[in-house]
Amino acid sequence: MAEIPTIRIGYVPEHYLTPLHLALRSPAISSLPFKLALTSFPSGTGHMITSLRSNEIDLAIGLTEGWVAGLAGKQQASQSSDGGYKVIGHWVDNPLRWAIVTGRNRDEINGVSDLKDKRVGVSRLGSGSHIMSFVLAQQQGWKPDSLTTVPLGPFGPLRDGVSGLDESKGQTANPSAEFFMWEEFTTKPYFHATSEKPNPPLKKIGEIFTPWPSWMIVASTAVFPNPEQDRRLESLFQAFDQGIRDFEADTAQVVKLLGTGELGCNYIEEDATEWLKDVRFTNATRGVDDKIIGGVVDVLKVAGVIDSAMSNDEAIQRVIGIKR
């Protein structure tokens, strides 16, 4: 008997991926002609891009700006038009709210204006946290290269990098960056003082929103060379849509689930409830709106991430695998 194939899905262990976990818990999953395996990427979208290109995962859900920059950005533009993956679907329709944070004891930094010409910590080159540093510079009227990029790894090392504190060892060191940006509610426990934790390690000095829908689905071009006609993807889109419907049908259960830590993340009831007020998952995951990708390309050109000489048509062709 032939072995059942497995489709490997990369994801970031955050609240936005709750419908993915619900989809895999649905009874309908057992009828699929393949298995699904999840791989967690705490370091984010940039790491998933590397893994897609290395054939370590087949599908991934991550940040829109990271996917687009990885396919149409200056580094990839000088190489093959096949960047190893294509954007095939929507996941979240609302913008992502990024907290801009520094170390709590960094008395010299009290607002975004203090960050000009400073060091920004990012998880990896090409990650959402990296791309958003260019967007921040563009919004502030700074030159695209005004910030010095310091790759520090996932969320924990980023916190240590701006605070100068090794949380795991309780040791102090010189800070390696002045600030970093991360999703608001994931970051909040580390900057919001409570009676239990009156001196959190971080200080929030601002926030920035992505000017586009925040999360999208991509597929490996090696595994799915013709995504428009791939029946496996059709089955997956149906499963994803069901996961989103299950999410929206019982948000009280979602709040409880996010408080257990079993999804690889942990959010207190207050934060999960606040997040639910604004989050909007897509009605149908299949396909990508080329106007939305064109808007992302426009902003990333101004930010210096995509070469202004590249036409939007070429960028969209490089990025989209399934059009809506």
C-alpha atoms as a PDB file:
ATOM      1  CA  MET A   1       0.000   0.000   0.000  1.00  0.00           C
ATOM      2  CA  ALA A   2       1.384   3.392  -1.010  1.00  0.00           C
ATOM      3  CA  GLU A   3       2.322   5.755   1.784  1.00  0.00           C
ATOM      4  CA  ILE A   4      -0.037   8.720   2.211  1.00  0.00           C
ATOM      5  CA  PRO A   5       1.800  11.932   1.237  1.00  0.00           C
ATOM      6  CA  THR A   6       2.253  14.743   3.741  1.00  0.00           C
ATOM      7  CA  ILE A   7       1.877  18.472   3.089  1.00  0.00           C
ATOM      8  CA  ARG A   8       4.052  20.476   5.479  1.00  0.00           C
ATOM      9  CA  ILE A   9       2.655  23.841   6.575  1.00  0.00           C
ATOM     10  CA  GLY A  10       4.787  26.558   8.156  1.00  0.00           C
ATOM     11  CA  TYR A  11       3.196  29.037  10.537  1.00  0.00           C
ATOM     12  CA  VAL A  12       4.067  31.663  13.138  1.00  0.00           C
ATOM     13  CA  PRO A  13       2.909  30.677  16.661  1.00  0.00           C
ATOM     14  CA  GLU A  14       0.596  33.641  17.201  1.00  0.00           C
ATOM     15  CA  HIS A  15      -3.129  34.201  17.731  1.00  0.00           C
ATOM     16  CA  TYR A  16      -3.700  34.954  14.036  1.00  0.00           C
ATOM     17  CA  LEU A  17      -3.084  31.283  13.272  1.00  0.00           C
ATOM     18  CA  THR A  18      -5.836  29.974  15.563  1.00  0.00           C
ATOM     19  CA  PRO A  19      -8.133  29.091  12.599  1.00  0.00           C
ATOM     20  CA  LEU A  20      -5.342  26.931  11.169  1.00  0.00           C
ATOM     21  CA  HIS A  21      -5.282  24.847  14.340  1.00  0.00           C
ATOM     22  CA  LEU A  22      -9.082  24.657  14.334  1.00  0.00           C
ATOM     23  CA  ALA A  23      -9.015  23.498  10.708  1.00  0.00           C
ATOM     24  CA  LEU A  24      -6.722  20.616  11.609  1.00  0.00           C
ATOM     25  CA  ARG A  25      -9.083  19.615  14.413  1.00  0.00           C
ATOM     26  CA  SER A  26     -12.063  19.418  12.066  1.00  0.00           C
ATOM     27  CA  PRO A  27     -13.409  15.900  11.331  1.00  0.00           C
ATOM     28  CA  ALA A  28     -13.286  16.758   7.607  1.00  0.00           C
ATOM     29  CA  ILE A  29      -9.477  16.668   7.712  1.00  0.00           C
ATOM     30  CA  SER A  30      -9.509  12.882   8.010  1.00  0.00           C
ATOM     31  CA  SER A  31     -11.081  12.586   4.544  1.00  0.00           C
ATOM     32  CA  LEU A  32      -8.227  14.393   2.786  1.00  0.00           C
ATOM     33  CA  PRO A  33      -6.032  12.207   0.530  1.00  0.00           C
ATOM     34  CA  PHE A  34      -2.920  13.511   2.300  1.00  0.00           C
ATOM     35  CA  LYS A  35      -1.661  14.209   5.794  1.00  0.00           C
ATOM     36  CA  LEU A  36      -0.948  17.667   7.187  1.00  0.00           C
ATOM     37  CA  ALA A  37       2.042  18.482   9.376  1.00  0.00           C
ATOM     38  CA  LEU A  38       2.584  21.846  11.057  1.00  0.00           C
ATOM     39  CA  THR A  39       6.008  23.406  11.588  1.00  0.00           C
ATOM     40  CA  SER A  40       6.299  26.390  13.929  1.00  0.00           C
ATOM     41  CA  PHE A  41       8.504  29.352  12.959  1.00  0.00           C
ATOM     42  CA  PRO A  42       8.853  31.729  15.940  1.00  0.00           C
ATOM     43  CA  SER A  43      11.371  33.789  13.955  1.00  0.00           C
ATOM     44  CA  GLY A  44       8.711  34.628  11.385  1.00  0.00           C
ATOM     45  CA  THR A  45       8.170  35.055   7.673  1.00  0.00           C
ATOM     46  CA  GLY A  46      11.790  35.465   6.602  1.00  0.00           C
ATOM     47  CA  HIS A  47      12.675  32.067   8.059  1.00  0.00           C
ATOM     48  CA  MET A  48       9.711  30.463   6.281  1.00  0.00           C
ATOM     49  CA  ILE A  49      10.906  31.901   2.955  1.00  0.00           C
ATOM     50  CA  THR A  50      14.262  30.186   3.472  1.00  0.00           C
ATOM     51  CA  SER A  51      12.536  26.911   4.367  1.00  0.00           C
ATOM     52  CA  LEU A  52      10.218  27.050   1.339  1.00  0.00           C
ATOM     53  CA  ARG A  53      13.224  27.492  -0.931  1.00  0.00           C
ATOM     54  CA  SER A  54      15.066  24.666   0.842  1.00  0.00           C
ATOM     55  CA  ASN A  55      12.123  22.260   0.415  1.00  0.00           C
ATOM     56  CA  GLU A  56      11.633  22.002   4.180  1.00  0.00           C
ATOM     57  CA  ILE A  57       7.974  23.101   4.019  1.00  0.00           C
ATOM     58  CA  ASP A  58       5.394  23.115   1.214  1.00  0.00           C
ATOM     59  CA  LEU A  59       2.925  25.787   2.299  1.00  0.00           C
ATOM     60  CA  ALA A  60       3.052  28.695   4.739  1.00  0.00           C
ATOM     61  CA  ILE A  61       0.963  31.459   6.279  1.00  0.00           C
ATOM     62  CA  GLY A  62       2.860  34.654   7.042  1.00  0.00           C
ATOM     63  CA  LEU A  63       3.086  38.405   6.684  1.00  0.00           C
ATOM     64  CA  THR A  64       2.126  39.969   3.373  1.00  0.00           C
ATOM     65  CA  GLU A  65       5.038  42.401   3.170  1.00  0.00           C
ATOM     66  CA  GLY A  66       7.586  39.642   3.764  1.00  0.00           C
ATOM     67  CA  TRP A  67       6.142  37.448   1.002  1.00  0.00           C
ATOM     68  CA  VAL A  68       6.011  40.311  -1.516  1.00  0.00           C
ATOM     69  CA  ALA A  69       9.504  41.581  -0.709  1.00  0.00           C
ATOM     70  CA  GLY A  70      10.890  38.058  -0.964  1.00  0.00           C
ATOM     71  CA  LEU A  71       9.594  37.718  -4.529  1.00  0.00           C
ATOM     72  CA  ALA A  72       9.850  41.254  -5.936  1.00  0.00           C
ATOM     73  CA  GLY A  73      12.469  42.877  -3.696  1.00  0.00           C
ATOM     74  CA  LYS A  74      15.818  44.063  -5.006  1.00  0.00           C
ATOM     75  CA  GLN A  75      17.731  40.936  -3.987  1.00  0.00           C
ATOM     76  CA  GLN A  76      15.369  38.500  -5.727  1.00  0.00           C
ATOM     77  CA  ALA A  77      14.814  40.797  -8.735  1.00  0.00           C
ATOM     78  CA  SER A  78      18.405  40.215  -9.845  1.00  0.00           C
ATOM     79  CA  GLN A  79      17.824  36.464  -9.817  1.00  0.00           C
ATOM     80  CA  SER A  80      15.265  34.043 -11.248  1.00  0.00           C
ATOM     81  CA  SER A  81      11.677  35.207 -11.566  1.00  0.00           C
ATOM     82  CA  ASP A  82      10.759  31.980  -9.758  1.00  0.00           C
ATOM     83  CA  GLY A  83      11.381  32.866  -6.147  1.00  0.00           C
ATOM     84  CA  GLY A  84      10.545  29.381  -4.895  1.00  0.00           C
ATOM     85  CA  TYR A  85       6.994  30.177  -3.832  1.00  0.00           C
ATOM     86  CA  LYS A  86       3.892  32.102  -4.903  1.00  0.00           C
ATOM     87  CA  VAL A  87       1.178  33.897  -2.956  1.00  0.00           C
ATOM     88  CA  ILE A  88      -2.001  31.882  -3.431  1.00  0.00           C
ATOM     89  CA  GLY A  89      -4.499  33.108  -0.868  1.00  0.00           C
ATOM     90  CA  HIS A  90      -5.665  35.614   1.715  1.00  0.00           C
ATOM     91  CA  TRP A  91      -5.784  34.881   5.446  1.00  0.00           C
ATOM     92  CA  VAL A  92      -6.395  38.098   7.411  1.00  0.00           C
ATOM     93  CA  ASP A  93      -7.994  41.160   5.825  1.00  0.00           C
ATOM     94  CA  ASN A  94      -7.204  43.797   8.457  1.00  0.00           C
ATOM     95  CA  PRO A  95      -3.813  45.524   8.911  1.00  0.00           C
ATOM     96  CA  LEU A  96      -1.327  44.294  11.494  1.00  0.00           C
ATOM     97  CA  ARG A  97      -0.705  46.510  14.510  1.00  0.00           C
ATOM     98  CA  TRP A  98       3.002  46.638  15.302  1.00  0.00           C
ATOM     99  CA  ALA A  99       4.242  47.889  18.676  1.00  0.00           C
ATOM    100  CA  ILE A 100       7.462  49.912  18.492  1.00  0.00           C
ATOM    101  CA  VAL A 101       9.448  49.090  21.622  1.00  0.00           C
ATOM    102  CA  THR A 102      12.765  49.678  23.330  1.00  0.00           C
ATOM    103  CA  GLY A 103      14.273  48.655  26.660  1.00  0.00           C
ATOM    104  CA  ARG A 104      12.473  49.992  29.733  1.00  0.00           C
ATOM    105  CA  ASN A 105      15.671  51.548  31.066  1.00  0.00           C
ATOM    106  CA  ARG A 106      16.595  53.265  27.790  1.00  0.00           C
ATOM    107  CA  ASP A 107      15.988  56.770  29.141  1.00  0.00           C
ATOM    108  CA  GLU A 108      17.430  58.350  25.998  1.00  0.00           C
ATOM    109  CA  ILE A 109      14.580  56.929  23.888  1.00  0.00           C
ATOM    110  CA  ASN A 110      11.075  58.231  24.557  1.00  0.00           C
ATOM    111  CA  GLY A 111       9.430  58.504  21.150  1.00  0.00           C
ATOM    112  CA  VAL A 112       9.694  57.523  17.501  1.00  0.00           C
ATOM    113  CA  SER A 113      11.549  60.755  16.695  1.00  0.00           C
ATOM    114  CA  ASP A 114      14.439  59.502  18.854  1.00  0.00           C
ATOM    115  CA  LEU A 115      14.958  56.518  16.531  1.00  0.00           C
ATOM    116  CA  LYS A 116      16.309  58.324  13.477  1.00  0.00           C
ATOM    117  CA  ASP A 117      19.709  56.949  12.392  1.00  0.00           C
ATOM    118  CA  LYS A 118      19.544  54.297  15.122  1.00  0.00           C
ATOM    119  CA  ARG A 119      19.831  50.485  15.149  1.00  0.00           C
ATOM    120  CA  VAL A 120      16.676  48.450  14.567  1.00  0.00           C
ATOM    121  CA  GLY A 121      16.543  44.843  15.697  1.00  0.00           C
ATOM    122  CA  VAL A 122      14.896  42.417  13.252  1.00  0.00           C
ATOM    123  CA  SER A 123      14.249  38.693  13.445  1.00  0.00           C
ATOM    124  CA  ARG A 124      15.823  37.927  10.061  1.00  0.00           C
ATOM    125  CA  LEU A 125      16.667  39.825   6.888  1.00  0.00           C
ATOM    126  CA  GLY A 126      13.548  39.816   4.715  1.00  0.00           C
ATOM    127  CA  SER A 127      11.202  39.272   7.650  1.00  0.00           C
ATOM    128  CA  GLY A 128       8.157  41.409   8.380  1.00  0.00           C
ATOM    129  CA  SER A 129      10.018  43.156  11.197  1.00  0.00           C
ATOM    130  CA  HIS A 130      12.757  44.032   8.704  1.00  0.00           C
ATOM    131  CA  ILE A 131      10.434  45.239   5.933  1.00  0.00           C
ATOM    132  CA  MET A 132       8.416  47.366   8.362  1.00  0.00           C
ATOM    133  CA  SER A 133      11.562  49.253   9.361  1.00  0.00           C
ATOM    134  CA  PHE A 134      11.662  50.633   5.809  1.00  0.00           C
ATOM    135  CA  VAL A 135       7.966  51.493   5.993  1.00  0.00           C
ATOM    136  CA  LEU A 136       8.568  53.311   9.296  1.00  0.00           C
ATOM    137  CA  ALA A 137      11.429  55.291   7.750  1.00  0.00           C
ATOM    138  CA  GLN A 138       9.237  56.185   4.778  1.00  0.00           C
ATOM    139  CA  GLN A 139       6.362  57.332   7.017  1.00  0.00           C
ATOM    140  CA  GLN A 140       8.727  59.423   9.152  1.00  0.00           C
ATOM    141  CA  GLY A 141      10.359  61.071   6.133  1.00  0.00           C
ATOM    142  CA  TRP A 142      13.750  59.455   6.791  1.00  0.00           C
ATOM    143  CA  LYS A 143      16.013  58.031   4.097  1.00  0.00           C
ATOM    144  CA  PRO A 144      15.353  54.311   3.449  1.00  0.00           C
ATOM    145  CA  ASP A 145      18.850  53.417   4.676  1.00  0.00           C
ATOM    146  CA  SER A 146      18.765  55.710   7.711  1.00  0.00           C
ATOM    147  CA  LEU A 147      18.301  52.788  10.107  1.00  0.00           C
ATOM    148  CA  THR A 148      21.024  50.223  10.778  1.00  0.00           C
ATOM    149  CA  THR A 149      19.567  46.713  10.591  1.00  0.00           C
ATOM    150  CA  VAL A 150      20.662  44.241  13.279  1.00  0.00           C
ATOM    151  CA  PRO A 151      19.382  40.643  12.794  1.00  0.00           C
ATOM    152  CA  LEU A 152      18.851  39.221  16.292  1.00  0.00           C
ATOM    153  CA  GLY A 153      16.603  36.181  15.850  1.00  0.00           C
ATOM    154  CA  PRO A 154      13.156  35.477  17.294  1.00  0.00           C
ATOM    155  CA  PHE A 155      11.172  37.389  19.886  1.00  0.00           C
ATOM    156  CA  GLY A 156      13.274  36.516  22.945  1.00  0.00           C
ATOM    157  CA  PRO A 157      16.645  37.640  21.554  1.00  0.00           C
ATOM    158  CA  LEU A 158      14.970  40.777  20.170  1.00  0.00           C
ATOM    159  CA  ARG A 159      13.806  41.697  23.671  1.00  0.00           C
ATOM    160  CA  ASP A 160      17.273  41.037  25.052  1.00  0.00           C
ATOM    161  CA  GLY A 161      18.837  43.090  22.261  1.00  0.00           C
ATOM    162  CA  VAL A 162      17.071  46.339  23.166  1.00  0.00           C
ATOM    163  CA  SER A 163      17.055  45.866  26.939  1.00  0.00           C
ATOM    164  CA  GLY A 164      20.627  44.661  27.354  1.00  0.00           C
ATOM    165  CA  LEU A 165      19.276  41.914  29.600  1.00  0.00           C
ATOM    166  CA  ASP A 166      19.530  38.188  29.016  1.00  0.00           C
ATOM    167  CA  GLU A 167      16.119  37.160  30.379  1.00  0.00           C
ATOM    168  CA  SER A 168      17.036  33.472  30.526  1.00  0.00           C
ATOM    169  CA  LYS A 169      20.189  34.046  32.586  1.00  0.00           C
ATOM    170  CA  GLY A 170      19.417  37.302  34.357  1.00  0.00           C
ATOM    171  CA  GLN A 171      22.634  38.825  33.042  1.00  0.00           C
ATOM    172  CA  THR A 172      23.158  42.317  31.664  1.00  0.00           C
ATOM    173  CA  ALA A 173      25.065  43.326  28.548  1.00  0.00           C
ATOM    174  CA  ASN A 174      25.326  46.275  26.217  1.00  0.00           C
ATOM    175  CA  PRO A 175      22.170  46.655  24.088  1.00  0.00           C
ATOM    176  CA  SER A 176      22.716  45.680  20.457  1.00  0.00           C
ATOM    177  CA  ALA A 177      19.777  47.705  19.054  1.00  0.00           C
ATOM    178  CA  GLU A 178      17.718  50.743  20.036  1.00  0.00           C
ATOM    179  CA  PHE A 179      14.306  49.336  19.097  1.00  0.00           C
ATOM    180  CA  PHE A 180      12.350  46.637  17.324  1.00  0.00           C
ATOM    181  CA  MET A 181       8.780  46.138  16.121  1.00  0.00           C
ATOM    182  CA  TRP A 182       6.519  43.177  16.883  1.00  0.00           C
ATOM    183  CA  GLU A 183       2.802  42.414  16.922  1.00  0.00           C
ATOM    184  CA  GLU A 184       1.024  44.477  19.594  1.00  0.00           C
ATOM    185  CA  PHE A 185      -0.653  41.811  21.714  1.00  0.00           C
ATOM    186  CA  THR A 186       2.264  39.390  21.551  1.00  0.00           C
ATOM    187  CA  THR A 187       4.509  42.186  22.825  1.00  0.00           C
ATOM    188  CA  LYS A 188       2.143  43.713  25.402  1.00  0.00           C
ATOM    189  CA  PRO A 189       3.029  41.408  28.348  1.00  0.00           C
ATOM    190  CA  TYR A 190       6.607  42.661  28.053  1.00  0.00           C
ATOM    191  CA  PHE A 191       5.841  46.415  28.131  1.00  0.00           C
ATOM    192  CA  HIS A 192       2.578  46.633  30.106  1.00  0.00           C
ATOM    193  CA  ALA A 193       3.184  46.901  33.852  1.00  0.00           C
ATOM    194  CA  THR A 194       0.913  44.884  36.149  1.00  0.00           C
ATOM    195  CA  SER A 195       0.797  44.241  39.886  1.00  0.00           C
ATOM    196  CA  GLU A 196       2.448  40.871  39.246  1.00  0.00           C
ATOM    197  CA  LYS A 197       5.081  42.343  36.895  1.00  0.00           C
ATOM    198  CA  PRO A 198       5.553  46.012  37.813  1.00  0.00           C
ATOM    199  CA  ASN A 199       8.835  46.338  35.879  1.00  0.00           C
ATOM    200  CA  PRO A 200       8.515  44.664  32.468  1.00  0.00           C
ATOM    201  CA  PRO A 201      11.677  44.668  30.335  1.00  0.00           C
ATOM    202  CA  LEU A 202      10.312  46.769  27.457  1.00  0.00           C
ATOM    203  CA  LYS A 203       8.889  50.249  26.910  1.00  0.00           C
ATOM    204  CA  LYS A 204       6.414  51.004  24.135  1.00  0.00           C
ATOM    205  CA  ILE A 205       7.220  54.244  22.326  1.00  0.00           C
ATOM    206  CA  GLY A 206       4.859  54.049  19.358  1.00  0.00           C
ATOM    207  CA  GLU A 207       2.994  51.852  16.938  1.00  0.00           C
ATOM    208  CA  ILE A 208       2.623  51.409  13.202  1.00  0.00           C
ATOM    209  CA  PHE A 209       0.020  49.648  11.070  1.00  0.00           C
ATOM    210  CA  THR A 210       0.678  47.818   7.829  1.00  0.00           C
ATOM    211  CA  PRO A 211      -1.163  49.690   5.054  1.00  0.00           C
ATOM    212  CA  TRP A 212      -2.474  46.398   3.603  1.00  0.00           C
ATOM    213  CA  PRO A 213      -4.149  43.094   4.656  1.00  0.00           C
ATOM    214  CA  SER A 214      -1.653  41.549   7.015  1.00  0.00           C
ATOM    215  CA  TRP A 215      -1.493  37.767   6.475  1.00  0.00           C
ATOM    216  CA  MET A 216      -1.438  35.684   3.284  1.00  0.00           C
ATOM    217  CA  ILE A 217      -0.918  32.072   2.209  1.00  0.00           C
ATOM    218  CA  VAL A 218       1.934  30.937  -0.031  1.00  0.00           C
ATOM    219  CA  ALA A 219       2.800  27.643  -1.723  1.00  0.00           C
ATOM    220  CA  SER A 220       6.084  26.154  -2.915  1.00  0.00           C
ATOM    221  CA  THR A 221       6.439  26.293  -6.702  1.00  0.00           C
ATOM    222  CA  ALA A 222       8.358  23.007  -6.604  1.00  0.00           C
ATOM    223  CA  VAL A 223       5.471  21.189  -4.923  1.00  0.00           C
ATOM    224  CA  PHE A 224       2.620  23.155  -6.528  1.00  0.00           C
ATOM    225  CA  PRO A 225       3.900  24.224  -9.981  1.00  0.00           C
ATOM    226  CA  ASN A 226       0.375  24.898 -11.282  1.00  0.00           C
ATOM    227  CA  PRO A 227      -1.558  26.159  -8.252  1.00  0.00           C
ATOM    228  CA  GLU A 228      -4.608  27.356 -10.196  1.00  0.00           C
ATOM    229  CA  GLN A 229      -5.525  23.773 -11.135  1.00  0.00           C
ATOM    230  CA  ASP A 230      -4.128  21.898  -8.133  1.00  0.00           C
ATOM    231  CA  ARG A 231      -6.842  19.815  -6.465  1.00  0.00           C
ATOM    232  CA  ARG A 232      -4.802  19.459  -3.283  1.00  0.00           C
ATOM    233  CA  LEU A 233      -4.914  23.204  -2.814  1.00  0.00           C
ATOM    234  CA  GLU A 234      -8.655  23.269  -3.476  1.00  0.00           C
ATOM    235  CA  SER A 235      -9.108  20.798  -0.618  1.00  0.00           C
ATOM    236  CA  LEU A 236      -6.856  22.859   1.628  1.00  0.00           C
ATOM    237  CA  PHE A 237      -8.714  26.093   0.897  1.00  0.00           C
ATOM    238  CA  GLN A 238     -11.959  24.384   1.902  1.00  0.00           C
ATOM    239  CA  ALA A 239     -10.342  23.189   5.134  1.00  0.00           C
ATOM    240  CA  PHE A 240      -8.946  26.659   5.877  1.00  0.00           C
ATOM    241  CA  ASP A 241     -12.326  28.279   5.224  1.00  0.00           C
ATOM    242  CA  GLN A 242     -13.921  25.821   7.650  1.00  0.00           C
ATOM    243  CA  GLY A 243     -11.315  26.667  10.279  1.00  0.00           C
ATOM    244  CA  ILE A 244     -12.173  30.353   9.936  1.00  0.00           C
ATOM    245  CA  ARG A 245     -15.905  29.610  10.198  1.00  0.00           C
ATOM    246  CA  ASP A 246     -15.285  27.544  13.340  1.00  0.00           C
ATOM    247  CA  PHE A 247     -13.228  30.410  14.766  1.00  0.00           C
ATOM    248  CA  GLU A 248     -15.971  32.967  14.152  1.00  0.00           C
ATOM    249  CA  ALA A 249     -18.733  30.663  15.407  1.00  0.00           C
ATOM    250  CA  ASP A 250     -17.311  30.376  18.934  1.00  0.00           C
ATOM    251  CA  THR A 251     -15.031  33.269  19.867  1.00  0.00           C
ATOM    252  CA  ALA A 252     -15.549  32.574  23.577  1.00  0.00           C
ATOM    253  CA  GLN A 253     -13.878  29.210  23.070  1.00  0.00           C
ATOM    254  CA  VAL A 254     -11.102  30.928  21.100  1.00  0.00           C
ATOM    255  CA  VAL A 255     -10.385  33.201  24.078  1.00  0.00           C
ATOM    256  CA  LYS A 256     -10.159  30.166  26.367  1.00  0.00           C
ATOM    257  CA  LEU A 257      -7.952  28.300  23.898  1.00  0.00           C
ATOM    258  CA  LEU A 258      -5.535  31.219  23.570  1.00  0.00           C
ATOM    259  CA  GLY A 259      -5.138  31.219  27.345  1.00  0.00           C
ATOM    260  CA  THR A 260      -4.013  27.588  27.528  1.00  0.00           C
ATOM    261  CA  GLY A 261      -0.724  27.903  25.644  1.00  0.00           C
ATOM    262  CA  GLU A 262      -1.421  24.720  23.684  1.00  0.00           C
ATOM    263  CA  LEU A 263      -1.217  26.581  20.342  1.00  0.00           C
ATOM    264  CA  GLY A 264       2.340  27.675  21.066  1.00  0.00           C
ATOM    265  CA  CYS A 265       1.245  31.105  22.279  1.00  0.00           C
ATOM    266  CA  ASN A 266      -0.470  32.436  25.400  1.00  0.00           C
ATOM    267  CA  TYR A 267      -2.740  35.473  25.692  1.00  0.00           C
ATOM    268  CA  ILE A 268      -4.663  36.600  28.762  1.00  0.00           C
ATOM    269  CA  GLU A 269      -8.427  36.969  28.399  1.00  0.00           C
ATOM    270  CA  GLU A 270      -8.290  40.782  28.319  1.00  0.00           C
ATOM    271  CA  ASP A 271      -5.813  40.891  25.423  1.00  0.00           C
ATOM    272  CA  ALA A 272      -7.488  38.119  23.429  1.00  0.00           C
ATOM    273  CA  THR A 273     -10.870  39.837  23.783  1.00  0.00           C
ATOM    274  CA  GLU A 274      -9.414  43.187  22.716  1.00  0.00           C
ATOM    275  CA  TRP A 275      -7.749  41.599  19.676  1.00  0.00           C
ATOM    276  CA  LEU A 276     -11.009  39.934  18.625  1.00  0.00           C
ATOM    277  CA  LYS A 277     -12.708  43.337  18.345  1.00  0.00           C
ATOM    278  CA  ASP A 278     -10.625  44.289  15.311  1.00  0.00           C
ATOM    279  CA  VAL A 279      -9.445  41.076  13.642  1.00  0.00           C
ATOM    280  CA  ARG A 280     -11.117  40.233  10.330  1.00  0.00           C
ATOM    281  CA  PHE A 281     -10.316  36.908   8.730  1.00  0.00           C
ATOM    282  CA  THR A 282     -11.066  36.577   5.030  1.00  0.00           C
ATOM    283  CA  ASN A 283     -14.384  35.154   3.839  1.00  0.00           C
ATOM    284  CA  ALA A 284     -12.643  32.920   1.278  1.00  0.00           C
ATOM    285  CA  THR A 285      -8.956  32.026   1.427  1.00  0.00           C
ATOM    286  CA  ARG A 286      -8.464  31.066  -2.231  1.00  0.00           C
ATOM    287  CA  GLY A 287      -6.836  33.603  -4.538  1.00  0.00           C
ATOM    288  CA  VAL A 288      -5.184  37.000  -4.223  1.00  0.00           C
ATOM    289  CA  ASP A 289      -6.435  40.424  -5.297  1.00  0.00           C
ATOM    290  CA  ASP A 290      -3.845  41.917  -7.664  1.00  0.00           C
ATOM    291  CA  LYS A 291      -4.904  45.463  -6.676  1.00  0.00           C
ATOM    292  CA  ILE A 292      -3.927  44.731  -3.078  1.00  0.00           C
ATOM    293  CA  ILE A 293      -0.538  43.364  -4.133  1.00  0.00           C
ATOM    294  CA  GLY A 294      -0.089  46.398  -6.383  1.00  0.00           C
ATOM    295  CA  GLY A 295      -0.682  48.639  -3.371  1.00  0.00           C
ATOM    296  CA  VAL A 296       1.928  46.759  -1.346  1.00  0.00           C
ATOM    297  CA  VAL A 297       4.384  47.091  -4.231  1.00  0.00           C
ATOM    298  CA  ASP A 298       3.771  50.857  -4.405  1.00  0.00           C
ATOM    299  CA  VAL A 299       4.606  51.336  -0.720  1.00  0.00           C
ATOM    300  CA  LEU A 300       7.648  49.048  -0.852  1.00  0.00           C
ATOM    301  CA  LYS A 301       8.979  50.985  -3.844  1.00  0.00           C
ATOM    302  CA  VAL A 302       8.773  54.247  -1.903  1.00  0.00           C
ATOM    303  CA  ALA A 303      10.420  52.511   1.052  1.00  0.00           C
ATOM    304  CA  GLY A 304      13.283  51.370  -1.194  1.00  0.00           C
ATOM    305  CA  VAL A 305      12.574  47.648  -0.766  1.00  0.00           C
ATOM    306  CA  ILE A 306      11.503  47.131  -4.400  1.00  0.00           C
ATOM    307  CA  ASP A 307      13.354  48.807  -7.275  1.00  0.00           C
ATOM    308  CA  SER A 308      11.238  51.662  -8.616  1.00  0.00           C
ATOM    309  CA  ALA A 309      12.252  50.609 -12.144  1.00  0.00           C
ATOM    310  CA  MET A 310      10.321  47.337 -11.804  1.00  0.00           C
ATOM    311  CA  SER A 311       6.824  47.673 -13.244  1.00  0.00           C
ATOM    312  CA  ASN A 312       3.895  46.763 -11.043  1.00  0.00           C
ATOM    313  CA  ASP A 313       2.815  44.235 -13.654  1.00  0.00           C
ATOM    314  CA  GLU A 314       6.154  42.424 -13.386  1.00  0.00           C
ATOM    315  CA  ALA A 315       6.052  42.519  -9.591  1.00  0.00           C
ATOM    316  CA  ILE A 316       2.508  41.139  -9.509  1.00  0.00           C
ATOM    317  CA  GLN A 317       3.471  38.393 -11.956  1.00  0.00           C
ATOM    318  CA  ARG A 318       6.377  37.414  -9.706  1.00  0.00           C
ATOM    319  CA  VAL A 319       4.183  37.371  -6.596  1.00  0.00           C
ATOM    320  CA  ILE A 320       0.756  35.924  -7.376  1.00  0.00           C
ATOM    321  CA  GLY A 321       0.113  32.234  -7.967  1.00  0.00           C
ATOM    322  CA  ILE A 322      -3.702  32.332  -7.893  1.00  0.00           C
ATOM    323  CA  LYS A 323      -5.652  35.466  -8.779  1.00  0.00           C
ATOM    324  CA  ARG A 324      -9.085  36.296  -7.445  1.00  0.00           C
END
